[in-house]
Amino acid sequence: MAEQLRIRRITAYCLLGICVLTALLITLDLDTPVRTIAVLLFLGTAPGWALISYVNVRHLSVTWISAVGLSLSAGLIVAQLLVLTHAWHPEAAVLGMVVATAALLVHHVLRSRPRSVP
């Protein structure tokens, strides 16, 4: 169990790095292939992983499959909202998703830290 928490904590740190990189590339409006890769990697994994990490899934493969499915679903819902409201601002939508995802990932990192024994 401790090993699983360590792996989840490391994954959360890596996904937080992707969140920060994505936010920086969008905010600085850098037009580079790295931005495309970072945004696709973020939208395909991070939001779903931030949500599924609160569910006690025993198999890592099920966690990742669920994370990708949830991420794609969240992206579709946000895109549909942008279309329905006639407010097509994809950069702002991705930044909003980054902030929400990062907050969940920070909470996950803080709650999965090893407890110090006095």
PDB file of N, CA and C in Angstrom:
ATOM      1  N   MET A   1       0.826  -1.203   0.000  1.00  0.00           N
ATOM      2  CA  MET A   1       0.000   0.000   0.000  1.00  0.00           C
ATOM      3  C   MET A   1       0.866   1.261   0.000  1.00  0.00           C
ATOM      4  N   ALA A   2       1.950   1.253   0.792  1.00  0.00           N
ATOM      5  CA  ALA A   2       2.836   2.413   0.845  1.00  0.00           C
ATOM      6  C   ALA A   2       3.496   2.641  -0.513  1.00  0.00           C
ATOM      7  N   GLU A   3       3.828   1.559  -1.215  1.00  0.00           N
ATOM      8  CA  GLU A   3       4.438   1.679  -2.536  1.00  0.00           C
ATOM      9  C   GLU A   3       3.455   2.297  -3.532  1.00  0.00           C
ATOM     10  N   GLN A   4       2.196   1.908  -3.443  1.00  0.00           N
ATOM     11  CA  GLN A   4       1.173   2.471  -4.322  1.00  0.00           C
ATOM     12  C   GLN A   4       1.000   3.968  -4.087  1.00  0.00           C
ATOM     13  N   LEU A   5       1.005   4.386  -2.829  1.00  0.00           N
ATOM     14  CA  LEU A   5       0.896   5.814  -2.512  1.00  0.00           C
ATOM     15  C   LEU A   5       2.104   6.584  -3.041  1.00  0.00           C
ATOM     16  N   ARG A   6       3.283   5.972  -2.946  1.00  0.00           N
ATOM     17  CA  ARG A   6       4.491   6.627  -3.447  1.00  0.00           C
ATOM     18  C   ARG A   6       4.406   6.809  -4.961  1.00  0.00           C
ATOM     19  N   ILE A   7       3.956   5.781  -5.669  1.00  0.00           N
ATOM     20  CA  ILE A   7       3.814   5.870  -7.123  1.00  0.00           C
ATOM     21  C   ILE A   7       2.775   6.933  -7.494  1.00  0.00           C
ATOM     22  N   ARG A   8       1.663   6.969  -6.770  1.00  0.00           N
ATOM     23  CA  ARG A   8       0.629   7.974  -7.047  1.00  0.00           C
ATOM     24  C   ARG A   8       1.137   9.386  -6.760  1.00  0.00           C
ATOM     25  N   ARG A   9       1.938   9.536  -5.699  1.00  0.00           N
ATOM     26  CA  ARG A   9       2.478  10.848  -5.368  1.00  0.00           C
ATOM     27  C   ARG A   9       3.448  11.310  -6.457  1.00  0.00           C
ATOM     28  N   ILE A  10       4.318  10.406  -6.926  1.00  0.00           N
ATOM     29  CA  ILE A  10       5.254  10.746  -7.995  1.00  0.00           C
ATOM     30  C   ILE A  10       4.499  11.100  -9.278  1.00  0.00           C
ATOM     31  N   THR A  11       3.458  10.341  -9.582  1.00  0.00           N
ATOM     32  CA  THR A  11       2.638  10.635 -10.758  1.00  0.00           C
ATOM     33  C   THR A  11       1.991  12.007 -10.630  1.00  0.00           C
ATOM     34  N   ALA A  12       1.483  12.321  -9.451  1.00  0.00           N
ATOM     35  CA  ALA A  12       0.864  13.630  -9.235  1.00  0.00           C
ATOM     36  C   ALA A  12       1.881  14.752  -9.429  1.00  0.00           C
ATOM     37  N   TYR A  13       3.112  14.548  -8.949  1.00  0.00           N
ATOM     38  CA  TYR A  13       4.156  15.555  -9.156  1.00  0.00           C
ATOM     39  C   TYR A  13       4.449  15.734 -10.647  1.00  0.00           C
ATOM     40  N   CYS A  14       4.551  14.642 -11.386  1.00  0.00           N
ATOM     41  CA  CYS A  14       4.813  14.724 -12.830  1.00  0.00           C
ATOM     42  C   CYS A  14       3.680  15.446 -13.555  1.00  0.00           C
ATOM     43  N   LEU A  15       2.452  15.121 -13.193  1.00  0.00           N
ATOM     44  CA  LEU A  15       1.306  15.780 -13.829  1.00  0.00           C
ATOM     45  C   LEU A  15       1.221  17.252 -13.439  1.00  0.00           C
ATOM     46  N   LEU A  16       1.644  17.589 -12.227  1.00  0.00           N
ATOM     47  CA  LEU A  16       1.718  19.009 -11.841  1.00  0.00           C
ATOM     48  C   LEU A  16       2.736  19.737 -12.717  1.00  0.00           C
ATOM     49  N   GLY A  17       3.835  19.072 -13.012  1.00  0.00           N
ATOM     50  CA  GLY A  17       4.830  19.659 -13.913  1.00  0.00           C
ATOM     51  C   GLY A  17       4.247  19.912 -15.288  1.00  0.00           C
ATOM     52  N   ILE A  18       3.466  18.974 -15.785  1.00  0.00           N
ATOM     53  CA  ILE A  18       2.805  19.154 -17.083  1.00  0.00           C
ATOM     54  C   ILE A  18       1.812  20.308 -17.017  1.00  0.00           C
ATOM     55  N   CYS A  19       1.103  20.430 -15.889  1.00  0.00           N
ATOM     56  CA  CYS A  19       0.162  21.553 -15.712  1.00  0.00           C
ATOM     57  C   CYS A  19       0.901  22.883 -15.789  1.00  0.00           C
ATOM     58  N   VAL A  20       2.017  22.984 -15.067  1.00  0.00           N
ATOM     59  CA  VAL A  20       2.785  24.232 -15.050  1.00  0.00           C
ATOM     60  C   VAL A  20       3.334  24.535 -16.439  1.00  0.00           C
ATOM     61  N   LEU A  21       3.898  23.522 -17.105  1.00  0.00           N
ATOM     62  CA  LEU A  21       4.436  23.723 -18.447  1.00  0.00           C
ATOM     63  C   LEU A  21       3.344  24.170 -19.415  1.00  0.00           C
ATOM     64  N   THR A  22       2.193  23.527 -19.351  1.00  0.00           N
ATOM     65  CA  THR A  22       1.079  23.890 -20.226  1.00  0.00           C
ATOM     66  C   THR A  22       0.635  25.324 -19.970  1.00  0.00           C
ATOM     67  N   ALA A  23       0.488  25.679 -18.710  1.00  0.00           N
ATOM     68  CA  ALA A  23       0.067  27.048 -18.368  1.00  0.00           C
ATOM     69  C   ALA A  23       1.086  28.079 -18.857  1.00  0.00           C
ATOM     70  N   LEU A  24       2.362  27.797 -18.674  1.00  0.00           N
ATOM     71  CA  LEU A  24       3.396  28.736 -19.122  1.00  0.00           C
ATOM     72  C   LEU A  24       3.391  28.900 -20.640  1.00  0.00           C
ATOM     73  N   LEU A  25       3.311  27.792 -21.349  1.00  0.00           N
ATOM     74  CA  LEU A  25       3.335  27.870 -22.812  1.00  0.00           C
ATOM     75  C   LEU A  25       2.118  28.606 -23.367  1.00  0.00           C
ATOM     76  N   ILE A  26       0.978  28.431 -22.741  1.00  0.00           N
ATOM     77  CA  ILE A  26      -0.232  29.128 -23.203  1.00  0.00           C
ATOM     78  C   ILE A  26      -0.174  30.598 -22.820  1.00  0.00           C
ATOM     79  N   THR A  27       0.220  30.878 -21.576  1.00  0.00           N
ATOM     80  CA  THR A  27       0.273  32.256 -21.102  1.00  0.00           C
ATOM     81  C   THR A  27       1.281  33.084 -21.891  1.00  0.00           C
ATOM     82  N   LEU A  28       2.443  32.492 -22.174  1.00  0.00           N
ATOM     83  CA  LEU A  28       3.472  33.208 -22.932  1.00  0.00           C
ATOM     84  C   LEU A  28       3.206  33.204 -24.432  1.00  0.00           C
ATOM     85  N   ASP A  29       2.152  32.489 -24.847  1.00  0.00           N
ATOM     86  CA  ASP A  29       1.732  32.403 -26.248  1.00  0.00           C
ATOM     87  C   ASP A  29       2.877  31.945 -27.157  1.00  0.00           C
ATOM     88  N   LEU A  30       3.608  30.943 -26.702  1.00  0.00           N
ATOM     89  CA  LEU A  30       4.700  30.393 -27.494  1.00  0.00           C
ATOM     90  C   LEU A  30       4.148  29.390 -28.496  1.00  0.00           C
ATOM     91  N   ASP A  31       4.475  29.615 -29.753  1.00  0.00           N
ATOM     92  CA  ASP A  31       4.007  28.726 -30.819  1.00  0.00           C
ATOM     93  C   ASP A  31       5.127  27.744 -31.150  1.00  0.00           C
ATOM     94  N   THR A  32       5.102  26.605 -30.468  1.00  0.00           N
ATOM     95  CA  THR A  32       6.144  25.602 -30.612  1.00  0.00           C
ATOM     96  C   THR A  32       5.510  24.214 -30.570  1.00  0.00           C
ATOM     97  N   PRO A  33       6.149  23.242 -31.184  1.00  0.00           N
ATOM     98  CA  PRO A  33       5.610  21.879 -31.099  1.00  0.00           C
ATOM     99  C   PRO A  33       5.519  21.363 -29.657  1.00  0.00           C
ATOM    100  N   VAL A  34       6.346  21.880 -28.778  1.00  0.00           N
ATOM    101  CA  VAL A  34       6.294  21.472 -27.369  1.00  0.00           C
ATOM    102  C   VAL A  34       4.954  21.857 -26.762  1.00  0.00           C
ATOM    103  N   ARG A  35       4.426  23.012 -27.173  1.00  0.00           N
ATOM    104  CA  ARG A  35       3.121  23.445 -26.663  1.00  0.00           C
ATOM    105  C   ARG A  35       2.025  22.462 -27.071  1.00  0.00           C
ATOM    106  N   THR A  36       2.055  22.038 -28.311  1.00  0.00           N
ATOM    107  CA  THR A  36       1.058  21.078 -28.791  1.00  0.00           C
ATOM    108  C   THR A  36       1.139  19.782 -28.008  1.00  0.00           C
ATOM    109  N   ILE A  37       2.350  19.284 -27.818  1.00  0.00           N
ATOM    110  CA  ILE A  37       2.540  18.037 -27.078  1.00  0.00           C
ATOM    111  C   ILE A  37       2.099  18.199 -25.632  1.00  0.00           C
ATOM    112  N   ALA A  38       2.482  19.316 -25.002  1.00  0.00           N
ATOM    113  CA  ALA A  38       2.130  19.542 -23.599  1.00  0.00           C
ATOM    114  C   ALA A  38       0.618  19.637 -23.410  1.00  0.00           C
ATOM    115  N   VAL A  39      -0.053  20.366 -24.296  1.00  0.00           N
ATOM    116  CA  VAL A  39      -1.508  20.522 -24.190  1.00  0.00           C
ATOM    117  C   VAL A  39      -2.203  19.178 -24.408  1.00  0.00           C
ATOM    118  N   LEU A  40      -1.768  18.432 -25.409  1.00  0.00           N
ATOM    119  CA  LEU A  40      -2.376  17.124 -25.663  1.00  0.00           C
ATOM    120  C   LEU A  40      -2.121  16.156 -24.517  1.00  0.00           C
ATOM    121  N   LEU A  41      -0.912  16.162 -23.987  1.00  0.00           N
ATOM    122  CA  LEU A  41      -0.590  15.303 -22.846  1.00  0.00           C
ATOM    123  C   LEU A  41      -1.416  15.696 -21.628  1.00  0.00           C
ATOM    124  N   PHE A  42      -1.533  17.009 -21.401  1.00  0.00           N
ATOM    125  CA  PHE A  42      -2.350  17.478 -20.274  1.00  0.00           C
ATOM    126  C   PHE A  42      -3.809  17.078 -20.453  1.00  0.00           C
ATOM    127  N   LEU A  43      -4.399  17.437 -21.590  1.00  0.00           N
ATOM    128  CA  LEU A  43      -5.827  17.176 -21.804  1.00  0.00           C
ATOM    129  C   LEU A  43      -6.161  15.685 -21.860  1.00  0.00           C
ATOM    130  N   GLY A  44      -5.181  14.866 -22.223  1.00  0.00           N
ATOM    131  CA  GLY A  44      -5.427  13.441 -22.326  1.00  0.00           C
ATOM    132  C   GLY A  44      -5.242  12.664 -21.041  1.00  0.00           C
ATOM    133  N   THR A  45      -4.600  13.275 -20.038  1.00  0.00           N
ATOM    134  CA  THR A  45      -4.303  12.505 -18.823  1.00  0.00           C
ATOM    135  C   THR A  45      -4.621  13.214 -17.508  1.00  0.00           C
ATOM    136  N   ALA A  46      -4.177  14.439 -17.355  1.00  0.00           N
ATOM    137  CA  ALA A  46      -4.166  15.084 -16.038  1.00  0.00           C
ATOM    138  C   ALA A  46      -5.540  15.288 -15.394  1.00  0.00           C
ATOM    139  N   PRO A  47      -6.535  15.853 -16.089  1.00  0.00           N
ATOM    140  CA  PRO A  47      -7.818  16.055 -15.402  1.00  0.00           C
ATOM    141  C   PRO A  47      -8.438  14.750 -14.903  1.00  0.00           C
ATOM    142  N   GLY A  48      -8.389  13.736 -15.722  1.00  0.00           N
ATOM    143  CA  GLY A  48      -8.957  12.448 -15.322  1.00  0.00           C
ATOM    144  C   GLY A  48      -8.182  11.796 -14.205  1.00  0.00           C
ATOM    145  N   TRP A  49      -6.843  11.896 -14.260  1.00  0.00           N
ATOM    146  CA  TRP A  49      -6.043  11.297 -13.197  1.00  0.00           C
ATOM    147  C   TRP A  49      -6.283  12.021 -11.870  1.00  0.00           C
ATOM    148  N   ALA A  50      -6.437  13.346 -11.937  1.00  0.00           N
ATOM    149  CA  ALA A  50      -6.710  14.110 -10.711  1.00  0.00           C
ATOM    150  C   ALA A  50      -8.024  13.669 -10.082  1.00  0.00           C
ATOM    151  N   LEU A  51      -8.997  13.302 -10.897  1.00  0.00           N
ATOM    152  CA  LEU A  51     -10.282  12.833 -10.371  1.00  0.00           C
ATOM    153  C   LEU A  51     -10.222  11.380  -9.918  1.00  0.00           C
ATOM    154  N   ILE A  52      -9.643  10.516 -10.729  1.00  0.00           N
ATOM    155  CA  ILE A  52      -9.651   9.085 -10.414  1.00  0.00           C
ATOM    156  C   ILE A  52      -8.720   8.764  -9.245  1.00  0.00           C
ATOM    157  N   SER A  53      -7.798   9.647  -8.928  1.00  0.00           N
ATOM    158  CA  SER A  53      -6.881   9.388  -7.813  1.00  0.00           C
ATOM    159  C   SER A  53      -7.608   9.374  -6.473  1.00  0.00           C
ATOM    160  N   TYR A  54      -8.829   9.875  -6.444  1.00  0.00           N
ATOM    161  CA  TYR A  54      -9.608   9.842  -5.203  1.00  0.00           C
ATOM    162  C   TYR A  54     -10.370   8.537  -5.033  1.00  0.00           C
ATOM    163  N   VAL A  55     -10.354   7.703  -6.054  1.00  0.00           N
ATOM    164  CA  VAL A  55     -11.028   6.411  -5.993  1.00  0.00           C
ATOM    165  C   VAL A  55      -9.959   5.349  -5.735  1.00  0.00           C
ATOM    166  N   ASN A  56     -10.248   4.412  -4.874  1.00  0.00           N
ATOM    167  CA  ASN A  56      -9.285   3.378  -4.548  1.00  0.00           C
ATOM    168  C   ASN A  56      -9.336   2.268  -5.600  1.00  0.00           C
ATOM    169  N   VAL A  57      -8.569   2.455  -6.669  1.00  0.00           N
ATOM    170  CA  VAL A  57      -8.480   1.463  -7.734  1.00  0.00           C
ATOM    171  C   VAL A  57      -7.206   0.660  -7.499  1.00  0.00           C
ATOM    172  N   ARG A  58      -7.325  -0.635  -7.472  1.00  0.00           N
ATOM    173  CA  ARG A  58      -6.182  -1.480  -7.129  1.00  0.00           C
ATOM    174  C   ARG A  58      -5.176  -1.643  -8.264  1.00  0.00           C
ATOM    175  N   HIS A  59      -5.616  -1.637  -9.490  1.00  0.00           N
ATOM    176  CA  HIS A  59      -4.724  -1.884 -10.610  1.00  0.00           C
ATOM    177  C   HIS A  59      -4.353  -0.573 -11.290  1.00  0.00           C
ATOM    178  N   LEU A  60      -3.068  -0.405 -11.509  1.00  0.00           N
ATOM    179  CA  LEU A  60      -2.574   0.816 -12.129  1.00  0.00           C
ATOM    180  C   LEU A  60      -3.101   0.983 -13.551  1.00  0.00           C
ATOM    181  N   SER A  61      -3.257  -0.121 -14.274  1.00  0.00           N
ATOM    182  CA  SER A  61      -3.762  -0.032 -15.650  1.00  0.00           C
ATOM    183  C   SER A  61      -5.201   0.472 -15.679  1.00  0.00           C
ATOM    184  N   VAL A  62      -6.011   0.038 -14.728  1.00  0.00           N
ATOM    185  CA  VAL A  62      -7.403   0.507 -14.652  1.00  0.00           C
ATOM    186  C   VAL A  62      -7.428   1.993 -14.301  1.00  0.00           C
ATOM    187  N   THR A  63      -6.519   2.401 -13.438  1.00  0.00           N
ATOM    188  CA  THR A  63      -6.423   3.818 -13.075  1.00  0.00           C
ATOM    189  C   THR A  63      -6.136   4.664 -14.307  1.00  0.00           C
ATOM    190  N   TRP A  64      -5.168   4.246 -15.120  1.00  0.00           N
ATOM    191  CA  TRP A  64      -4.792   5.036 -16.291  1.00  0.00           C
ATOM    192  C   TRP A  64      -5.859   5.010 -17.376  1.00  0.00           C
ATOM    193  N   ILE A  65      -6.483   3.864 -17.572  1.00  0.00           N
ATOM    194  CA  ILE A  65      -7.564   3.794 -18.564  1.00  0.00           C
ATOM    195  C   ILE A  65      -8.705   4.721 -18.144  1.00  0.00           C
ATOM    196  N   SER A  66      -9.038   4.682 -16.871  1.00  0.00           N
ATOM    197  CA  SER A  66     -10.097   5.557 -16.356  1.00  0.00           C
ATOM    198  C   SER A  66      -9.688   7.018 -16.442  1.00  0.00           C
ATOM    199  N   ALA A  67      -8.425   7.314 -16.169  1.00  0.00           N
ATOM    200  CA  ALA A  67      -7.941   8.695 -16.227  1.00  0.00           C
ATOM    201  C   ALA A  67      -8.050   9.258 -17.637  1.00  0.00           C
ATOM    202  N   VAL A  68      -7.656   8.468 -18.619  1.00  0.00           N
ATOM    203  CA  VAL A  68      -7.754   8.930 -20.006  1.00  0.00           C
ATOM    204  C   VAL A  68      -9.218   9.134 -20.395  1.00  0.00           C
ATOM    205  N   GLY A  69     -10.078   8.196 -20.035  1.00  0.00           N
ATOM    206  CA  GLY A  69     -11.503   8.337 -20.346  1.00  0.00           C
ATOM    207  C   GLY A  69     -12.115   9.559 -19.693  1.00  0.00           C
ATOM    208  N   LEU A  70     -11.816   9.777 -18.427  1.00  0.00           N
ATOM    209  CA  LEU A  70     -12.345  10.953 -17.728  1.00  0.00           C
ATOM    210  C   LEU A  70     -11.785  12.246 -18.308  1.00  0.00           C
ATOM    211  N   SER A  71     -10.511  12.239 -18.671  1.00  0.00           N
ATOM    212  CA  SER A  71      -9.900  13.441 -19.252  1.00  0.00           C
ATOM    213  C   SER A  71     -10.559  13.809 -20.574  1.00  0.00           C
ATOM    214  N   LEU A  72     -10.742  12.810 -21.422  1.00  0.00           N
ATOM    215  CA  LEU A  72     -11.382  13.081 -22.706  1.00  0.00           C
ATOM    216  C   LEU A  72     -12.825  13.546 -22.517  1.00  0.00           C
ATOM    217  N   SER A  73     -13.512  12.954 -21.553  1.00  0.00           N
ATOM    218  CA  SER A  73     -14.888  13.371 -21.267  1.00  0.00           C
ATOM    219  C   SER A  73     -14.933  14.807 -20.772  1.00  0.00           C
ATOM    220  N   ALA A  74     -14.032  15.153 -19.875  1.00  0.00           N
ATOM    221  CA  ALA A  74     -13.992  16.525 -19.353  1.00  0.00           C
ATOM    222  C   ALA A  74     -13.694  17.515 -20.473  1.00  0.00           C
ATOM    223  N   GLY A  75     -12.757  17.170 -21.348  1.00  0.00           N
ATOM    224  CA  GLY A  75     -12.441  18.040 -22.475  1.00  0.00           C
ATOM    225  C   GLY A  75     -13.625  18.233 -23.408  1.00  0.00           C
ATOM    226  N   LEU A  76     -14.362  17.150 -23.664  1.00  0.00           N
ATOM    227  CA  LEU A  76     -15.549  17.255 -24.518  1.00  0.00           C
ATOM    228  C   LEU A  76     -16.635  18.112 -23.882  1.00  0.00           C
ATOM    229  N   ILE A  77     -16.816  17.975 -22.583  1.00  0.00           N
ATOM    230  CA  ILE A  77     -17.826  18.775 -21.885  1.00  0.00           C
ATOM    231  C   ILE A  77     -17.461  20.254 -21.934  1.00  0.00           C
ATOM    232  N   VAL A  78     -16.195  20.572 -21.687  1.00  0.00           N
ATOM    233  CA  VAL A  78     -15.763  21.970 -21.734  1.00  0.00           C
ATOM    234  C   VAL A  78     -15.910  22.518 -23.148  1.00  0.00           C
ATOM    235  N   ALA A  79     -15.516  21.748 -24.155  1.00  0.00           N
ATOM    236  CA  ALA A  79     -15.659  22.210 -25.537  1.00  0.00           C
ATOM    237  C   ALA A  79     -17.122  22.421 -25.908  1.00  0.00           C
ATOM    238  N   GLN A  80     -17.983  21.524 -25.454  1.00  0.00           N
ATOM    239  CA  GLN A  80     -19.415  21.670 -25.729  1.00  0.00           C
ATOM    240  C   GLN A  80     -19.970  22.930 -25.062  1.00  0.00           C
ATOM    241  N   LEU A  81     -19.528  23.200 -23.845  1.00  0.00           N
ATOM    242  CA  LEU A  81     -19.956  24.433 -23.176  1.00  0.00           C
ATOM    243  C   LEU A  81     -19.500  25.680 -23.933  1.00  0.00           C
ATOM    244  N   LEU A  82     -18.283  25.637 -24.461  1.00  0.00           N
ATOM    245  CA  LEU A  82     -17.791  26.770 -25.246  1.00  0.00           C
ATOM    246  C   LEU A  82     -18.643  26.983 -26.489  1.00  0.00           C
ATOM    247  N   VAL A  83     -19.021  25.911 -27.144  1.00  0.00           N
ATOM    248  CA  VAL A  83     -19.841  26.013 -28.352  1.00  0.00           C
ATOM    249  C   VAL A  83     -21.248  26.507 -28.007  1.00  0.00           C
ATOM    250  N   LEU A  84     -21.838  25.933 -26.977  1.00  0.00           N
ATOM    251  CA  LEU A  84     -23.215  26.307 -26.621  1.00  0.00           C
ATOM    252  C   LEU A  84     -23.341  27.743 -26.143  1.00  0.00           C
ATOM    253  N   THR A  85     -22.312  28.263 -25.486  1.00  0.00           N
ATOM    254  CA  THR A  85     -22.366  29.638 -24.980  1.00  0.00           C
ATOM    255  C   THR A  85     -21.842  30.657 -25.990  1.00  0.00           C
ATOM    256  N   HIS A  86     -21.406  30.175 -27.149  1.00  0.00           N
ATOM    257  CA  HIS A  86     -20.835  31.043 -28.185  1.00  0.00           C
ATOM    258  C   HIS A  86     -19.647  31.841 -27.646  1.00  0.00           C
ATOM    259  N   ALA A  87     -18.927  31.270 -26.716  1.00  0.00           N
ATOM    260  CA  ALA A  87     -17.755  31.909 -26.130  1.00  0.00           C
ATOM    261  C   ALA A  87     -16.542  31.039 -26.427  1.00  0.00           C
ATOM    262  N   TRP A  88     -16.093  31.053 -27.668  1.00  0.00           N
ATOM    263  CA  TRP A  88     -15.019  30.165 -28.079  1.00  0.00           C
ATOM    264  C   TRP A  88     -13.673  30.785 -27.707  1.00  0.00           C
ATOM    265  N   HIS A  89     -13.179  30.430 -26.529  1.00  0.00           N
ATOM    266  CA  HIS A  89     -11.875  30.873 -26.033  1.00  0.00           C
ATOM    267  C   HIS A  89     -11.132  29.649 -25.516  1.00  0.00           C
ATOM    268  N   PRO A  90     -10.572  28.837 -26.423  1.00  0.00           N
ATOM    269  CA  PRO A  90      -9.965  27.580 -25.997  1.00  0.00           C
ATOM    270  C   PRO A  90      -8.773  27.750 -25.063  1.00  0.00           C
ATOM    271  N   GLU A  91      -7.974  28.812 -25.256  1.00  0.00           N
ATOM    272  CA  GLU A  91      -6.835  29.011 -24.353  1.00  0.00           C
ATOM    273  C   GLU A  91      -7.314  29.249 -22.927  1.00  0.00           C
ATOM    274  N   ALA A  92      -8.336  30.077 -22.780  1.00  0.00           N
ATOM    275  CA  ALA A  92      -8.878  30.346 -21.439  1.00  0.00           C
ATOM    276  C   ALA A  92      -9.482  29.078 -20.837  1.00  0.00           C
ATOM    277  N   ALA A  93     -10.136  28.276 -21.654  1.00  0.00           N
ATOM    278  CA  ALA A  93     -10.730  27.034 -21.162  1.00  0.00           C
ATOM    279  C   ALA A  93      -9.660  26.066 -20.679  1.00  0.00           C
ATOM    280  N   VAL A  94      -8.578  25.946 -21.445  1.00  0.00           N
ATOM    281  CA  VAL A  94      -7.492  25.045 -21.036  1.00  0.00           C
ATOM    282  C   VAL A  94      -6.832  25.570 -19.766  1.00  0.00           C
ATOM    283  N   LEU A  95      -6.645  26.880 -19.681  1.00  0.00           N
ATOM    284  CA  LEU A  95      -6.056  27.443 -18.460  1.00  0.00           C
ATOM    285  C   LEU A  95      -6.963  27.203 -17.248  1.00  0.00           C
ATOM    286  N   GLY A  96      -8.259  27.315 -17.444  1.00  0.00           N
ATOM    287  CA  GLY A  96      -9.192  27.010 -16.357  1.00  0.00           C
ATOM    288  C   GLY A  96      -9.100  25.555 -15.930  1.00  0.00           C
ATOM    289  N   MET A  97      -8.984  24.667 -16.907  1.00  0.00           N
ATOM    290  CA  MET A  97      -8.826  23.249 -16.582  1.00  0.00           C
ATOM    291  C   MET A  97      -7.493  22.995 -15.879  1.00  0.00           C
ATOM    292  N   VAL A  98      -6.450  23.715 -16.288  1.00  0.00           N
ATOM    293  CA  VAL A  98      -5.136  23.565 -15.642  1.00  0.00           C
ATOM    294  C   VAL A  98      -5.224  23.962 -14.181  1.00  0.00           C
ATOM    295  N   VAL A  99      -5.874  25.089 -13.898  1.00  0.00           N
ATOM    296  CA  VAL A  99      -5.984  25.558 -12.507  1.00  0.00           C
ATOM    297  C   VAL A  99      -6.776  24.562 -11.664  1.00  0.00           C
ATOM    298  N   ALA A 100      -7.905  24.110 -12.180  1.00  0.00           N
ATOM    299  CA  ALA A 100      -8.719  23.147 -11.428  1.00  0.00           C
ATOM    300  C   ALA A 100      -7.977  21.832 -11.220  1.00  0.00           C
ATOM    301  N   THR A 101      -7.301  21.350 -12.257  1.00  0.00           N
ATOM    302  CA  THR A 101      -6.565  20.100 -12.159  1.00  0.00           C
ATOM    303  C   THR A 101      -5.393  20.232 -11.197  1.00  0.00           C
ATOM    304  N   ALA A 102      -4.667  21.336 -11.297  1.00  0.00           N
ATOM    305  CA  ALA A 102      -3.517  21.542 -10.407  1.00  0.00           C
ATOM    306  C   ALA A 102      -3.955  21.588  -8.946  1.00  0.00           C
ATOM    307  N   ALA A 103      -5.089  22.216  -8.681  1.00  0.00           N
ATOM    308  CA  ALA A 103      -5.582  22.270  -7.295  1.00  0.00           C
ATOM    309  C   ALA A 103      -5.867  20.861  -6.772  1.00  0.00           C
ATOM    310  N   LEU A 104      -6.499  20.036  -7.591  1.00  0.00           N
ATOM    311  CA  LEU A 104      -6.766  18.654  -7.174  1.00  0.00           C
ATOM    312  C   LEU A 104      -5.478  17.864  -7.003  1.00  0.00           C
ATOM    313  N   LEU A 105      -4.513  18.074  -7.873  1.00  0.00           N
ATOM    314  CA  LEU A 105      -3.245  17.349  -7.766  1.00  0.00           C
ATOM    315  C   LEU A 105      -2.461  17.771  -6.532  1.00  0.00           C
ATOM    316  N   VAL A 106      -2.469  19.061  -6.216  1.00  0.00           N
ATOM    317  CA  VAL A 106      -1.793  19.531  -4.994  1.00  0.00           C
ATOM    318  C   VAL A 106      -2.444  18.901  -3.774  1.00  0.00           C
ATOM    319  N   HIS A 107      -3.767  18.849  -3.759  1.00  0.00           N
ATOM    320  CA  HIS A 107      -4.460  18.199  -2.639  1.00  0.00           C
ATOM    321  C   HIS A 107      -4.073  16.734  -2.545  1.00  0.00           C
ATOM    322  N   HIS A 108      -3.969  16.071  -3.682  1.00  0.00           N
ATOM    323  CA  HIS A 108      -3.582  14.658  -3.684  1.00  0.00           C
ATOM    324  C   HIS A 108      -2.168  14.478  -3.145  1.00  0.00           C
ATOM    325  N   VAL A 109      -1.247  15.345  -3.551  1.00  0.00           N
ATOM    326  CA  VAL A 109       0.139  15.254  -3.068  1.00  0.00           C
ATOM    327  C   VAL A 109       0.177  15.465  -1.555  1.00  0.00           C
ATOM    328  N   LEU A 110      -0.553  16.446  -1.078  1.00  0.00           N
ATOM    329  CA  LEU A 110      -0.530  16.737   0.360  1.00  0.00           C
ATOM    330  C   LEU A 110      -1.149  15.615   1.186  1.00  0.00           C
ATOM    331  N   ARG A 111      -2.202  15.004   0.684  1.00  0.00           N
ATOM    332  CA  ARG A 111      -2.848  13.945   1.469  1.00  0.00           C
ATOM    333  C   ARG A 111      -2.119  12.612   1.368  1.00  0.00           C
ATOM    334  N   SER A 112      -1.240  12.439   0.391  1.00  0.00           N
ATOM    335  CA  SER A 112      -0.544  11.159   0.250  1.00  0.00           C
ATOM    336  C   SER A 112       0.899  11.217   0.749  1.00  0.00           C
ATOM    337  N   ARG A 113       1.260  12.304   1.403  1.00  0.00           N
ATOM    338  CA  ARG A 113       2.603  12.391   1.961  1.00  0.00           C
ATOM    339  C   ARG A 113       2.775  11.359   3.071  1.00  0.00           C
ATOM    340  N   PRO A 114       3.980  10.828   3.182  1.00  0.00           N
ATOM    341  CA  PRO A 114       4.227   9.882   4.275  1.00  0.00           C
ATOM    342  C   PRO A 114       4.097  10.597   5.628  1.00  0.00           C
ATOM    343  N   ARG A 115       3.482   9.928   6.557  1.00  0.00           N
ATOM    344  CA  ARG A 115       3.298  10.497   7.896  1.00  0.00           C
ATOM    345  C   ARG A 115       4.592  10.318   8.690  1.00  0.00           C
ATOM    346  N   SER A 116       4.994  11.367   9.358  1.00  0.00           N
ATOM    347  CA  SER A 116       6.177  11.247  10.217  1.00  0.00           C
ATOM    348  C   SER A 116       5.736  10.722  11.580  1.00  0.00           C
ATOM    349  N   VAL A 117       6.459   9.742  12.065  1.00  0.00           N
ATOM    350  CA  VAL A 117       6.139   9.124  13.345  1.00  0.00           C
ATOM    351  C   VAL A 117       6.976   9.791  14.416  1.00  0.00           C
ATOM    352  N   PRO A 118       6.349  10.371  15.450  1.00  0.00           N
ATOM    353  CA  PRO A 118       7.124  11.087  16.492  1.00  0.00           C
ATOM    354  C   PRO A 118       7.866  10.134  17.398  1.00  0.00           C
TER     355      PRO A 118
END
